[in-house]
């Protein structure tokens, strides 16, 4: 019998990507909640925990750019940081950057070295 956490024929890297996508989807929900003005303490703490899980996953995958982006996401969920529209916009931009990086990594492409963050985000 195959353990429930082990899926036959699915690579650990693919499973990690699927887990990352789940964390990102949760952060997208938190972003919408911020925009709509109902990100209360329970959802805020859940989003902060999700951001920490995403960071741990990126570090475990040894994915440098994903780890850097995840660190920025975690920094948005600090007790001293108010969660308003500016943070929601920044979170949206970071989520988009993470999706772009995942897409580049999935097809084996990496943005050219030596480009600025703004140029990388435009790729």
Protein backbone atom coordinates (compact mmCIF):
# COMPACT_ATOMS: atom_id res chain seq x y z
CA UNK A 1 0.00 0.00 0.00
CA UNK A 2 1.27 3.46 -0.92
CA UNK A 3 1.39 5.93 2.00
CA UNK A 4 -1.19 8.75 1.60
CA UNK A 5 1.53 11.43 1.34
CA UNK A 6 3.32 9.57 -1.44
CA UNK A 7 1.87 9.82 -4.93
CA UNK A 8 3.02 7.23 -7.42
CA UNK A 9 4.77 8.75 -10.41
CA UNK A 10 4.94 12.29 -9.02
CA UNK A 11 8.42 13.64 -8.43
CA UNK A 12 9.25 15.34 -5.12
CA UNK A 13 10.06 18.53 -7.04
CA UNK A 14 6.64 18.49 -8.71
CA UNK A 15 4.96 17.89 -5.36
CA UNK A 16 6.89 20.82 -3.89
CA UNK A 17 5.76 23.04 -6.79
CA UNK A 18 2.15 21.97 -6.18
CA UNK A 19 2.52 22.76 -2.48
CA UNK A 20 4.01 26.17 -3.36
CA UNK A 21 1.05 26.85 -5.66
CA UNK A 22 -1.32 26.09 -2.77
CA UNK A 23 0.51 28.56 -0.52
CA UNK A 24 0.47 31.18 -3.24
CA UNK A 25 -3.28 30.70 -3.78
CA UNK A 26 -3.83 31.31 -0.05
CA UNK A 27 -1.77 34.49 -0.22
CA UNK A 28 -3.82 35.63 -3.22
CA UNK A 29 -6.96 35.21 -1.09
CA UNK A 30 -5.38 37.32 1.64
CA UNK A 31 -4.53 39.97 -0.95
CA UNK A 32 -8.17 40.08 -2.07
CA UNK A 33 -9.27 40.31 1.57
CA UNK A 34 -6.97 43.29 2.11
CA UNK A 35 -8.35 45.01 -1.01
CA UNK A 36 -11.90 44.40 0.17
CA UNK A 37 -11.11 45.58 3.70
CA UNK A 38 -11.82 42.44 5.70
CA UNK A 39 -8.40 41.03 6.61
CA UNK A 40 -9.01 40.54 10.33
CA UNK A 41 -6.64 38.98 12.86
CA UNK A 42 -7.48 35.30 12.14
CA UNK A 43 -6.96 35.65 8.37
CA UNK A 44 -3.91 37.90 8.90
CA UNK A 45 -2.27 35.27 11.15
CA UNK A 46 -3.15 32.51 8.69
CA UNK A 47 -1.59 34.50 5.83
CA UNK A 48 1.52 35.17 7.93
CA UNK A 49 1.82 31.43 8.67
CA UNK A 50 1.32 30.60 4.98
CA UNK A 51 4.08 33.06 4.05
CA UNK A 52 6.42 31.33 6.54
CA UNK A 53 5.53 27.91 5.07
CA UNK A 54 6.20 29.20 1.56
CA UNK A 55 9.59 30.55 2.66
CA UNK A 56 10.52 27.22 4.27
CA UNK A 57 9.50 25.38 1.09
CA UNK A 58 11.54 27.70 -1.16
CA UNK A 59 14.56 27.25 1.11
CA UNK A 60 14.11 23.46 1.10
CA UNK A 61 13.98 23.52 -2.71
CA UNK A 62 17.21 25.57 -2.67
CA UNK A 63 15.55 28.02 -5.01
CA UNK A 64 17.45 31.28 -4.50
CA UNK A 65 15.13 33.66 -6.33
CA UNK A 66 12.01 32.06 -4.87
CA UNK A 67 13.56 32.30 -1.40
CA UNK A 68 14.34 35.99 -1.91
CA UNK A 69 10.77 36.71 -3.00
CA UNK A 70 9.35 34.64 -0.13
CA UNK A 71 11.50 36.62 2.34
CA UNK A 72 9.95 39.83 1.00
CA UNK A 73 6.46 38.33 1.36
CA UNK A 74 7.18 37.34 4.98
CA UNK A 75 8.38 40.87 5.71
CA UNK A 76 4.92 42.20 4.77
CA UNK A 77 3.36 40.21 7.62
CA UNK A 78 5.23 41.74 10.56
CA UNK A 79 3.31 42.98 13.62
CA UNK A 80 4.67 46.50 13.09
CA UNK A 81 3.63 46.59 9.43
CA UNK A 82 0.07 47.78 8.85
CA UNK A 83 -1.74 45.67 6.29
CA UNK A 84 -3.25 48.17 3.89
CA UNK A 85 -3.63 48.74 0.18
CA UNK A 86 0.06 49.54 -0.32
CA UNK A 87 1.02 46.21 1.23
CA UNK A 88 -1.65 44.43 -0.82
CA UNK A 89 -0.25 45.94 -4.01
CA UNK A 90 3.28 44.94 -3.03
CA UNK A 91 2.08 41.43 -2.16
CA UNK A 92 0.36 41.18 -5.56
CA UNK A 93 3.59 42.21 -7.30
CA UNK A 94 5.61 39.66 -5.31
CA UNK A 95 3.12 36.89 -6.09
CA UNK A 96 3.33 37.78 -9.80
CA UNK A 97 7.14 37.72 -9.61
CA UNK A 98 7.01 34.32 -7.95
CA UNK A 99 4.72 32.96 -10.68
CA UNK A 100 7.10 34.30 -13.36
CA UNK A 101 10.10 32.72 -11.66
CA UNK A 102 8.27 29.41 -11.33
CA UNK A 103 7.35 29.51 -15.01
CA UNK A 104 10.96 30.22 -16.02
CA UNK A 105 12.22 27.45 -13.76
CA UNK A 106 9.62 24.96 -15.02
CA UNK A 107 10.80 25.30 -18.60
CA UNK A 108 14.47 25.46 -17.65
CA UNK A 109 14.88 29.12 -18.56
CA UNK A 110 16.55 31.60 -16.30
CA UNK A 111 16.56 35.35 -16.83
CA UNK A 112 19.95 36.66 -17.92
CA UNK A 113 22.39 37.43 -15.12
CA UNK A 114 23.22 41.01 -14.31
CA UNK A 115 19.79 42.48 -14.94
CA UNK A 116 18.06 44.72 -12.43
CA UNK A 117 15.06 43.66 -10.37
CA UNK A 118 12.80 45.88 -12.45
CA UNK A 119 14.06 44.35 -15.67
CA UNK A 120 13.66 40.86 -14.18
CA UNK A 121 10.08 41.67 -13.16
CA UNK A 122 9.31 42.78 -16.72
CA UNK A 123 10.39 39.40 -18.16
